[in-house]
PDB file of N, CA and C in Angstrom:
ATOM      1  N   MET A   1      46.820  71.548 -11.443  1.00  0.00           N
ATOM      2  CA  MET A   1      45.568  70.815 -11.471  1.00  0.00           C
ATOM      3  C   MET A   1      44.493  71.702 -12.091  1.00  0.00           C
ATOM      4  N   PRO A   2      43.805  71.224 -13.114  1.00  0.00           N
ATOM      5  CA  PRO A   2      42.748  72.035 -13.719  1.00  0.00           C
ATOM      6  C   PRO A   2      41.583  72.210 -12.741  1.00  0.00           C
ATOM      7  N   HIS A   3      40.857  73.310 -12.920  1.00  0.00           N
ATOM      8  CA  HIS A   3      39.705  73.591 -12.064  1.00  0.00           C
ATOM      9  C   HIS A   3      38.679  72.464 -12.243  1.00  0.00           C
ATOM     10  N   PRO A   4      38.267  71.806 -11.144  1.00  0.00           N
ATOM     11  CA  PRO A   4      37.392  70.645 -11.274  1.00  0.00           C
ATOM     12  C   PRO A   4      35.922  70.975 -11.514  1.00  0.00           C
ATOM     13  N   PHE A   5      35.524  72.239 -11.373  1.00  0.00           N
ATOM     14  CA  PHE A   5      34.115  72.588 -11.475  1.00  0.00           C
ATOM     15  C   PHE A   5      33.879  73.611 -12.576  1.00  0.00           C
ATOM     16  N   SER A   6      32.816  73.414 -13.339  1.00  0.00           N
ATOM     17  CA  SER A   6      32.487  74.347 -14.417  1.00  0.00           C
ATOM     18  C   SER A   6      32.025  75.674 -13.826  1.00  0.00           C
ATOM     19  N   PRO A   7      32.118  76.748 -14.599  1.00  0.00           N
ATOM     20  CA  PRO A   7      31.641  78.048 -14.110  1.00  0.00           C
ATOM     21  C   PRO A   7      30.167  78.012 -13.688  1.00  0.00           C
ATOM     22  N   ASP A   8      29.339  77.231 -14.383  1.00  0.00           N
ATOM     23  CA  ASP A   8      27.924  77.129 -14.013  1.00  0.00           C
ATOM     24  C   ASP A   8      27.751  76.490 -12.645  1.00  0.00           C
ATOM     25  N   VAL A   9      28.534  75.455 -12.354  1.00  0.00           N
ATOM     26  CA  VAL A   9      28.466  74.787 -11.054  1.00  0.00           C
ATOM     27  C   VAL A   9      28.923  75.738  -9.958  1.00  0.00           C
ATOM     28  N   VAL A  10      30.023  76.422 -10.175  1.00  0.00           N
ATOM     29  CA  VAL A  10      30.530  77.377  -9.181  1.00  0.00           C
ATOM     30  C   VAL A  10      29.491  78.457  -8.921  1.00  0.00           C
ATOM     31  N   ALA A  11      28.896  79.014  -9.990  1.00  0.00           N
ATOM     32  CA  ALA A  11      27.892  80.070  -9.832  1.00  0.00           C
ATOM     33  C   ALA A  11      26.685  79.572  -9.035  1.00  0.00           C
ATOM     34  N   ALA A  12      26.249  78.353  -9.282  1.00  0.00           N
ATOM     35  CA  ALA A  12      25.096  77.795  -8.564  1.00  0.00           C
ATOM     36  C   ALA A  12      25.419  77.607  -7.084  1.00  0.00           C
ATOM     37  N   ILE A  13      26.604  77.115  -6.779  1.00  0.00           N
ATOM     38  CA  ILE A  13      27.005  76.920  -5.384  1.00  0.00           C
ATOM     39  C   ILE A  13      27.105  78.271  -4.671  1.00  0.00           C
ATOM     40  N   LEU A  14      27.717  79.249  -5.314  1.00  0.00           N
ATOM     41  CA  LEU A  14      27.856  80.570  -4.701  1.00  0.00           C
ATOM     42  C   LEU A  14      26.492  81.207  -4.464  1.00  0.00           C
ATOM     43  N   ARG A  15      25.612  81.082  -5.433  1.00  0.00           N
ATOM     44  CA  ARG A  15      24.260  81.630  -5.276  1.00  0.00           C
ATOM     45  C   ARG A  15      23.561  80.977  -4.077  1.00  0.00           C
ATOM     46  N   HIS A  16      23.657  79.656  -3.985  1.00  0.00           N
ATOM     47  CA  HIS A  16      23.033  78.931  -2.878  1.00  0.00           C
ATOM     48  C   HIS A  16      23.635  79.359  -1.531  1.00  0.00           C
ATOM     49  N   MET A  17      24.940  79.413  -1.453  1.00  0.00           N
ATOM     50  CA  MET A  17      25.587  79.789  -0.187  1.00  0.00           C
ATOM     51  C   MET A  17      25.242  81.225   0.217  1.00  0.00           C
ATOM     52  N   ASN A  18      25.209  82.133  -0.741  1.00  0.00           N
ATOM     53  CA  ASN A  18      24.990  83.543  -0.416  1.00  0.00           C
ATOM     54  C   ASN A  18      23.518  83.898  -0.255  1.00  0.00           C
ATOM     55  N   ASP A  19      22.635  83.133  -0.872  1.00  0.00           N
ATOM     56  CA  ASP A  19      21.203  83.382  -0.715  1.00  0.00           C
ATOM     57  C   ASP A  19      20.624  82.622   0.476  1.00  0.00           C
ATOM     58  N   ASP A  20      21.022  81.372   0.641  1.00  0.00           N
ATOM     59  CA  ASP A  20      20.401  80.495   1.644  1.00  0.00           C
ATOM     60  C   ASP A  20      21.249  80.282   2.909  1.00  0.00           C
ATOM     61  N   HIS A  21      22.532  80.575   2.838  1.00  0.00           N
ATOM     62  CA  HIS A  21      23.418  80.268   3.974  1.00  0.00           C
ATOM     63  C   HIS A  21      24.328  81.433   4.340  1.00  0.00           C
ATOM     64  N   ARG A  22      23.818  82.643   4.238  1.00  0.00           N
ATOM     65  CA  ARG A  22      24.628  83.833   4.543  1.00  0.00           C
ATOM     66  C   ARG A  22      25.166  83.769   5.973  1.00  0.00           C
ATOM     67  N   ASP A  23      24.327  83.339   6.926  1.00  0.00           N
ATOM     68  CA  ASP A  23      24.781  83.232   8.317  1.00  0.00           C
ATOM     69  C   ASP A  23      25.887  82.187   8.466  1.00  0.00           C
ATOM     70  N   ASP A  24      25.815  81.110   7.683  1.00  0.00           N
ATOM     71  CA  ASP A  24      26.860  80.084   7.740  1.00  0.00           C
ATOM     72  C   ASP A  24      28.184  80.636   7.225  1.00  0.00           C
ATOM     73  N   ASN A  25      28.128  81.458   6.173  1.00  0.00           N
ATOM     74  CA  ASN A  25      29.351  82.086   5.662  1.00  0.00           C
ATOM     75  C   ASN A  25      30.032  82.893   6.763  1.00  0.00           C
ATOM     76  N   LEU A  26      29.245  83.684   7.478  1.00  0.00           N
ATOM     77  CA  LEU A  26      29.803  84.509   8.544  1.00  0.00           C
ATOM     78  C   LEU A  26      30.367  83.643   9.667  1.00  0.00           C
ATOM     79  N   LEU A  27      29.657  82.600  10.035  1.00  0.00           N
ATOM     80  CA  LEU A  27      30.124  81.694  11.079  1.00  0.00           C
ATOM     81  C   LEU A  27      31.470  81.066  10.696  1.00  0.00           C
ATOM     82  N   ILE A  28      31.586  80.623   9.458  1.00  0.00           N
ATOM     83  CA  ILE A  28      32.827  79.993   8.980  1.00  0.00           C
ATOM     84  C   ILE A  28      33.986  80.990   9.038  1.00  0.00           C
ATOM     85  N   VAL A  29      33.765  82.202   8.547  1.00  0.00           N
ATOM     86  CA  VAL A  29      34.834  83.208   8.568  1.00  0.00           C
ATOM     87  C   VAL A  29      35.208  83.562  10.003  1.00  0.00           C
ATOM     88  N   ARG A  30      34.226  83.728  10.869  1.00  0.00           N
ATOM     89  CA  ARG A  30      34.536  84.044  12.268  1.00  0.00           C
ATOM     90  C   ARG A  30      35.349  82.934  12.928  1.00  0.00           C
ATOM     91  N   ALA A  31      35.019  81.696  12.646  1.00  0.00           N
ATOM     92  CA  ALA A  31      35.703  80.572  13.293  1.00  0.00           C
ATOM     93  C   ALA A  31      37.102  80.340  12.753  1.00  0.00           C
ATOM     94  N   PHE A  32      37.295  80.505  11.457  1.00  0.00           N
ATOM     95  CA  PHE A  32      38.564  80.137  10.837  1.00  0.00           C
ATOM     96  C   PHE A  32      39.500  81.308  10.584  1.00  0.00           C
ATOM     97  N   VAL A  33      38.957  82.549  10.517  1.00  0.00           N
ATOM     98  CA  VAL A  33      39.797  83.657  10.054  1.00  0.00           C
ATOM     99  C   VAL A  33      39.777  84.861  10.981  1.00  0.00           C
ATOM    100  N   ASP A  34      38.598  85.411  11.239  1.00  0.00           N
ATOM    101  CA  ASP A  34      38.527  86.676  11.965  1.00  0.00           C
ATOM    102  C   ASP A  34      37.242  86.728  12.788  1.00  0.00           C
ATOM    103  N   GLY A  35      37.391  86.626  14.081  1.00  0.00           N
ATOM    104  CA  GLY A  35      36.243  86.632  14.975  1.00  0.00           C
ATOM    105  C   GLY A  35      35.493  87.949  15.021  1.00  0.00           C
ATOM    106  N   THR A  36      36.050  89.004  14.423  1.00  0.00           N
ATOM    107  CA  THR A  36      35.364  90.302  14.415  1.00  0.00           C
ATOM    108  C   THR A  36      34.558  90.535  13.146  1.00  0.00           C
ATOM    109  N   ALA A  37      34.540  89.571  12.242  1.00  0.00           N
ATOM    110  CA  ALA A  37      33.810  89.749  10.979  1.00  0.00           C
ATOM    111  C   ALA A  37      32.340  90.042  11.255  1.00  0.00           C
ATOM    112  N   VAL A  38      31.780  90.987  10.478  1.00  0.00           N
ATOM    113  CA  VAL A  38      30.366  91.345  10.632  1.00  0.00           C
ATOM    114  C   VAL A  38      29.531  90.914   9.426  1.00  0.00           C
ATOM    115  N   SER A  39      30.193  90.596   8.328  1.00  0.00           N
ATOM    116  CA  SER A  39      29.499  90.055   7.159  1.00  0.00           C
ATOM    117  C   SER A  39      30.499  89.237   6.349  1.00  0.00           C
ATOM    118  N   ALA A  40      29.949  88.292   5.592  1.00  0.00           N
ATOM    119  CA  ALA A  40      30.814  87.444   4.755  1.00  0.00           C
ATOM    120  C   ALA A  40      29.997  86.875   3.612  1.00  0.00           C
ATOM    121  N   GLU A  41      30.649  86.733   2.474  1.00  0.00           N
ATOM    122  CA  GLU A  41      30.023  86.066   1.340  1.00  0.00           C
ATOM    123  C   GLU A  41      31.048  85.153   0.686  1.00  0.00           C
ATOM    124  N   MET A  42      30.561  84.045   0.175  1.00  0.00           N
ATOM    125  CA  MET A  42      31.437  83.133  -0.545  1.00  0.00           C
ATOM    126  C   MET A  42      31.584  83.684  -1.959  1.00  0.00           C
ATOM    127  N   VAL A  43      32.836  83.850  -2.424  1.00  0.00           N
ATOM    128  CA  VAL A  43      33.068  84.485  -3.718  1.00  0.00           C
ATOM    129  C   VAL A  43      33.679  83.555  -4.754  1.00  0.00           C
ATOM    130  N   ASP A  44      34.182  82.405  -4.331  1.00  0.00           N
ATOM    131  CA  ASP A  44      34.761  81.459  -5.291  1.00  0.00           C
ATOM    132  C   ASP A  44      35.028  80.145  -4.568  1.00  0.00           C
ATOM    133  N   LEU A  45      35.316  79.131  -5.336  1.00  0.00           N
ATOM    134  CA  LEU A  45      35.741  77.847  -4.794  1.00  0.00           C
ATOM    135  C   LEU A  45      36.427  77.070  -5.894  1.00  0.00           C
ATOM    136  N   ASP A  46      37.276  76.159  -5.473  1.00  0.00           N
ATOM    137  CA  ASP A  46      37.912  75.247  -6.400  1.00  0.00           C
ATOM    138  C   ASP A  46      38.154  73.938  -5.665  1.00  0.00           C
ATOM    139  N   GLY A  47      38.963  73.089  -6.219  1.00  0.00           N
ATOM    140  CA  GLY A  47      39.203  71.796  -5.611  1.00  0.00           C
ATOM    141  C   GLY A  47      39.963  71.852  -4.301  1.00  0.00           C
ATOM    142  N   ASP A  48      40.611  72.972  -4.015  1.00  0.00           N
ATOM    143  CA  ASP A  48      41.416  73.099  -2.802  1.00  0.00           C
ATOM    144  C   ASP A  48      40.688  73.752  -1.633  1.00  0.00           C
ATOM    145  N   GLY A  49      39.666  74.563  -1.912  1.00  0.00           N
ATOM    146  CA  GLY A  49      38.962  75.223  -0.823  1.00  0.00           C
ATOM    147  C   GLY A  49      37.974  76.247  -1.315  1.00  0.00           C
ATOM    148  N   GLY A  50      37.361  76.932  -0.355  1.00  0.00           N
ATOM    149  CA  GLY A  50      36.413  77.992  -0.663  1.00  0.00           C
ATOM    150  C   GLY A  50      37.035  79.339  -0.368  1.00  0.00           C
ATOM    151  N   GLU A  51      36.571  80.354  -1.099  1.00  0.00           N
ATOM    152  CA  GLU A  51      37.063  81.712  -0.896  1.00  0.00           C
ATOM    153  C   GLU A  51      35.912  82.586  -0.424  1.00  0.00           C
ATOM    154  N   TRP A  52      36.169  83.339   0.626  1.00  0.00           N
ATOM    155  CA  TRP A  52      35.177  84.240   1.189  1.00  0.00           C
ATOM    156  C   TRP A  52      35.720  85.655   1.220  1.00  0.00           C
ATOM    157  N   ARG A  53      34.828  86.623   1.010  1.00  0.00           N
ATOM    158  CA  ARG A  53      35.136  88.042   1.204  1.00  0.00           C
ATOM    159  C   ARG A  53      34.367  88.464   2.453  1.00  0.00           C
ATOM    160  N   PHE A  54      35.048  89.137   3.354  1.00  0.00           N
ATOM    161  CA  PHE A  54      34.396  89.509   4.606  1.00  0.00           C
ATOM    162  C   PHE A  54      34.726  90.935   4.998  1.00  0.00           C
ATOM    163  N   THR A  55      33.862  91.480   5.847  1.00  0.00           N
ATOM    164  CA  THR A  55      34.037  92.819   6.397  1.00  0.00           C
ATOM    165  C   THR A  55      34.187  92.686   7.903  1.00  0.00           C
ATOM    166  N   THR A  56      35.178  93.385   8.449  1.00  0.00           N
ATOM    167  CA  THR A  56      35.418  93.348   9.898  1.00  0.00           C
ATOM    168  C   THR A  56      34.595  94.433  10.589  1.00  0.00           C
ATOM    169  N   GLY A  57      34.613  94.396  11.901  1.00  0.00           N
ATOM    170  CA  GLY A  57      33.911  95.396  12.690  1.00  0.00           C
ATOM    171  C   GLY A  57      34.423  96.806  12.461  1.00  0.00           C
ATOM    172  N   THR A  58      35.656  96.943  11.984  1.00  0.00           N
ATOM    173  CA  THR A  58      36.206  98.276  11.707  1.00  0.00           C
ATOM    174  C   THR A  58      35.879  98.756  10.299  1.00  0.00           C
ATOM    175  N   GLY A  59      35.209  97.907   9.516  1.00  0.00           N
ATOM    176  CA  GLY A  59      34.810  98.293   8.168  1.00  0.00           C
ATOM    177  C   GLY A  59      35.771  97.881   7.072  1.00  0.00           C
ATOM    178  N   SER A  60      36.916  97.299   7.425  1.00  0.00           N
ATOM    179  CA  SER A  60      37.836  96.853   6.380  1.00  0.00           C
ATOM    180  C   SER A  60      37.339  95.537   5.788  1.00  0.00           C
ATOM    181  N   THR A  61      37.702  95.316   4.535  1.00  0.00           N
ATOM    182  CA  THR A  61      37.315  94.077   3.863  1.00  0.00           C
ATOM    183  C   THR A  61      38.553  93.290   3.485  1.00  0.00           C
ATOM    184  N   ALA A  62      38.385  91.989   3.385  1.00  0.00           N
ATOM    185  CA  ALA A  62      39.490  91.110   3.004  1.00  0.00           C
ATOM    186  C   ALA A  62      38.919  89.856   2.358  1.00  0.00           C
ATOM    187  N   ASP A  63      39.744  89.197   1.600  1.00  0.00           N
ATOM    188  CA  ASP A  63      39.419  87.895   1.023  1.00  0.00           C
ATOM    189  C   ASP A  63      40.267  86.849   1.718  1.00  0.00           C
ATOM    190  N   THR A  64      39.704  85.672   1.863  1.00  0.00           N
ATOM    191  CA  THR A  64      40.436  84.577   2.482  1.00  0.00           C
ATOM    192  C   THR A  64      40.043  83.268   1.830  1.00  0.00           C
ATOM    193  N   THR A  65      40.972  82.356   1.751  1.00  0.00           N
ATOM    194  CA  THR A  65      40.683  81.009   1.270  1.00  0.00           C
ATOM    195  C   THR A  65      40.822  80.050   2.434  1.00  0.00           C
ATOM    196  N   ILE A  66      39.819  79.198   2.596  1.00  0.00           N
ATOM    197  CA  ILE A  66      39.825  78.200   3.651  1.00  0.00           C
ATOM    198  C   ILE A  66      39.862  76.835   2.980  1.00  0.00           C
ATOM    199  N   PRO A  67      40.880  76.032   3.267  1.00  0.00           N
ATOM    200  CA  PRO A  67      40.991  74.712   2.625  1.00  0.00           C
ATOM    201  C   PRO A  67      39.849  73.781   3.042  1.00  0.00           C
ATOM    202  N   TRP A  68      39.505  72.880   2.149  1.00  0.00           N
ATOM    203  CA  TRP A  68      38.509  71.855   2.482  1.00  0.00           C
ATOM    204  C   TRP A  68      39.086  70.960   3.572  1.00  0.00           C
ATOM    205  N   PRO A  69      38.310  70.638   4.577  1.00  0.00           N
ATOM    206  CA  PRO A  69      38.811  69.842   5.706  1.00  0.00           C
ATOM    207  C   PRO A  69      39.406  68.492   5.328  1.00  0.00           C
ATOM    208  N   ALA A  70      38.824  67.813   4.346  1.00  0.00           N
ATOM    209  CA  ALA A  70      39.309  66.481   3.957  1.00  0.00           C
ATOM    210  C   ALA A  70      40.387  66.536   2.886  1.00  0.00           C
ATOM    211  N   GLY A  71      40.814  67.743   2.511  1.00  0.00           N
ATOM    212  CA  GLY A  71      41.822  67.873   1.464  1.00  0.00           C
ATOM    213  C   GLY A  71      41.175  68.151   0.121  1.00  0.00           C
ATOM    214  N   PRO A  72      41.983  68.206  -0.935  1.00  0.00           N
ATOM    215  CA  PRO A  72      41.469  68.549  -2.261  1.00  0.00           C
ATOM    216  C   PRO A  72      40.336  67.620  -2.713  1.00  0.00           C
ATOM    217  N   ILE A  73      39.392  68.219  -3.450  1.00  0.00           N
ATOM    218  CA  ILE A  73      38.253  67.473  -3.979  1.00  0.00           C
ATOM    219  C   ILE A  73      38.138  67.702  -5.481  1.00  0.00           C
ATOM    220  N   ALA A  74      37.467  66.784  -6.157  1.00  0.00           N
ATOM    221  CA  ALA A  74      37.264  66.915  -7.599  1.00  0.00           C
ATOM    222  C   ALA A  74      35.829  66.614  -8.012  1.00  0.00           C
ATOM    223  N   GLU A  75      35.005  66.187  -7.067  1.00  0.00           N
ATOM    224  CA  GLU A  75      33.624  65.814  -7.375  1.00  0.00           C
ATOM    225  C   GLU A  75      32.664  66.888  -6.874  1.00  0.00           C
ATOM    226  N   ARG A  76      31.675  67.217  -7.678  1.00  0.00           N
ATOM    227  CA  ARG A  76      30.671  68.219  -7.298  1.00  0.00           C
ATOM    228  C   ARG A  76      30.002  67.867  -5.965  1.00  0.00           C
ATOM    229  N   MET A  77      29.657  66.612  -5.774  1.00  0.00           N
ATOM    230  CA  MET A  77      28.961  66.201  -4.556  1.00  0.00           C
ATOM    231  C   MET A  77      29.832  66.368  -3.302  1.00  0.00           C
ATOM    232  N   ALA A  78      31.127  66.407  -3.472  1.00  0.00           N
ATOM    233  CA  ALA A  78      32.029  66.575  -2.337  1.00  0.00           C
ATOM    234  C   ALA A  78      31.984  68.001  -1.777  1.00  0.00           C
ATOM    235  N   VAL A  79      31.561  68.961  -2.588  1.00  0.00           N
ATOM    236  CA  VAL A  79      31.518  70.347  -2.124  1.00  0.00           C
ATOM    237  C   VAL A  79      30.581  70.465  -0.925  1.00  0.00           C
ATOM    238  N   ARG A  80      29.392  69.906  -1.023  1.00  0.00           N
ATOM    239  CA  ARG A  80      28.437  69.987   0.090  1.00  0.00           C
ATOM    240  C   ARG A  80      29.036  69.356   1.346  1.00  0.00           C
ATOM    241  N   ARG A  81      29.627  68.188   1.193  1.00  0.00           N
ATOM    242  CA  ARG A  81      30.221  67.495   2.343  1.00  0.00           C
ATOM    243  C   ARG A  81      31.268  68.382   3.020  1.00  0.00           C
ATOM    244  N   GLU A  82      32.095  69.034   2.235  1.00  0.00           N
ATOM    245  CA  GLU A  82      33.172  69.857   2.794  1.00  0.00           C
ATOM    246  C   GLU A  82      32.650  71.139   3.424  1.00  0.00           C
ATOM    247  N   ILE A  83      31.642  71.754   2.820  1.00  0.00           N
ATOM    248  CA  ILE A  83      31.071  72.961   3.417  1.00  0.00           C
ATOM    249  C   ILE A  83      30.367  72.609   4.728  1.00  0.00           C
ATOM    250  N   VAL A  84      29.672  71.481   4.749  1.00  0.00           N
ATOM    251  CA  VAL A  84      29.036  71.034   6.001  1.00  0.00           C
ATOM    252  C   VAL A  84      30.107  70.780   7.061  1.00  0.00           C
ATOM    253  N   ALA A  85      31.225  70.196   6.674  1.00  0.00           N
ATOM    254  CA  ALA A  85      32.312  69.953   7.627  1.00  0.00           C
ATOM    255  C   ALA A  85      32.867  71.281   8.160  1.00  0.00           C
ATOM    256  N   LEU A  86      33.019  72.283   7.294  1.00  0.00           N
ATOM    257  CA  LEU A  86      33.466  73.600   7.750  1.00  0.00           C
ATOM    258  C   LEU A  86      32.452  74.202   8.722  1.00  0.00           C
ATOM    259  N   TYR A  87      31.178  74.090   8.389  1.00  0.00           N
ATOM    260  CA  TYR A  87      30.121  74.604   9.264  1.00  0.00           C
ATOM    261  C   TYR A  87      30.160  73.916  10.630  1.00  0.00           C
ATOM    262  N   ASP A  88      30.217  72.587  10.621  1.00  0.00           N
ATOM    263  CA  ASP A  88      30.234  71.843  11.882  1.00  0.00           C
ATOM    264  C   ASP A  88      31.448  72.202  12.736  1.00  0.00           C
ATOM    265  N   GLU A  89      32.607  72.321  12.116  1.00  0.00           N
ATOM    266  CA  GLU A  89      33.812  72.688  12.861  1.00  0.00           C
ATOM    267  C   GLU A  89      33.704  74.123  13.370  1.00  0.00           C
ATOM    268  N   SER A  90      33.090  75.003  12.588  1.00  0.00           N
ATOM    269  CA  SER A  90      32.884  76.384  13.024  1.00  0.00           C
ATOM    270  C   SER A  90      32.004  76.422  14.266  1.00  0.00           C
ATOM    271  N   CYS A  91      30.935  75.651  14.247  1.00  0.00           N
ATOM    272  CA  CYS A  91      30.047  75.589  15.412  1.00  0.00           C
ATOM    273  C   CYS A  91      30.809  75.088  16.636  1.00  0.00           C
ATOM    274  N   ARG A  92      31.631  74.063  16.443  1.00  0.00           N
ATOM    275  CA  ARG A  92      32.417  73.520  17.552  1.00  0.00           C
ATOM    276  C   ARG A  92      33.362  74.586  18.107  1.00  0.00           C
ATOM    277  N   ARG A  93      34.088  75.258  17.212  1.00  0.00           N
ATOM    278  CA  ARG A  93      35.065  76.265  17.647  1.00  0.00           C
ATOM    279  C   ARG A  93      34.418  77.440  18.365  1.00  0.00           C
ATOM    280  N   LEU A  94      33.216  77.816  17.927  1.00  0.00           N
ATOM    281  CA  LEU A  94      32.554  78.996  18.483  1.00  0.00           C
ATOM    282  C   LEU A  94      31.504  78.645  19.528  1.00  0.00           C
ATOM    283  N   ASP A  95      31.415  77.362  19.854  1.00  0.00           N
ATOM    284  CA  ASP A  95      30.453  76.888  20.851  1.00  0.00           C
ATOM    285  C   ASP A  95      29.021  77.292  20.486  1.00  0.00           C
ATOM    286  N   VAL A  96      28.671  77.009  19.237  1.00  0.00           N
ATOM    287  CA  VAL A  96      27.335  77.274  18.707  1.00  0.00           C
ATOM    288  C   VAL A  96      26.667  75.932  18.437  1.00  0.00           C
ATOM    289  N   GLU A  97      25.416  75.805  18.797  1.00  0.00           N
ATOM    290  CA  GLU A  97      24.672  74.567  18.544  1.00  0.00           C
ATOM    291  C   GLU A  97      24.385  74.464  17.045  1.00  0.00           C
ATOM    292  N   PRO A  98      24.928  73.429  16.372  1.00  0.00           N
ATOM    293  CA  PRO A  98      24.674  73.309  14.928  1.00  0.00           C
ATOM    294  C   PRO A  98      23.224  72.887  14.669  1.00  0.00           C
ATOM    295  N   ARG A  99      22.696  73.359  13.562  1.00  0.00           N
ATOM    296  CA  ARG A  99      21.366  72.912  13.181  1.00  0.00           C
ATOM    297  C   ARG A  99      21.512  71.570  12.452  1.00  0.00           C
ATOM    298  N   PRO A 100      20.439  70.795  12.400  1.00  0.00           N
ATOM    299  CA  PRO A 100      20.508  69.507  11.695  1.00  0.00           C
ATOM    300  C   PRO A 100      20.722  69.724  10.188  1.00  0.00           C
ATOM    301  N   HIS A 101      21.402  68.792   9.577  1.00  0.00           N
ATOM    302  CA  HIS A 101      21.619  68.850   8.119  1.00  0.00           C
ATOM    303  C   HIS A 101      20.561  67.990   7.450  1.00  0.00           C
ATOM    304  N   ASN A 102      19.903  68.584   6.478  1.00  0.00           N
ATOM    305  CA  ASN A 102      18.871  67.832   5.737  1.00  0.00           C
ATOM    306  C   ASN A 102      19.439  67.132   4.546  1.00  0.00           C
TER     307      ASN A 102
END
């Protein structure tokens, strides 16, 4: 399957996630991958999921891919829906009160 998003779209999404939602990145990684993560940034995404690089409490770093909750996507507008779904599920798993989505 060809990559559904142009490099410009991917760069804009990554910039938004890492500038405006850094805490959400960490919450997602803690909930889905490693509860000891101390920092996380989104480094890539495609139609199958998002990729995050994270640092654990021991200082080691790793990359992980988390699939989109609803399955593969091909539309730009679906990215927001899927990231919000990851955030909401992360809050549920970690017993964190989610903030409202605007």
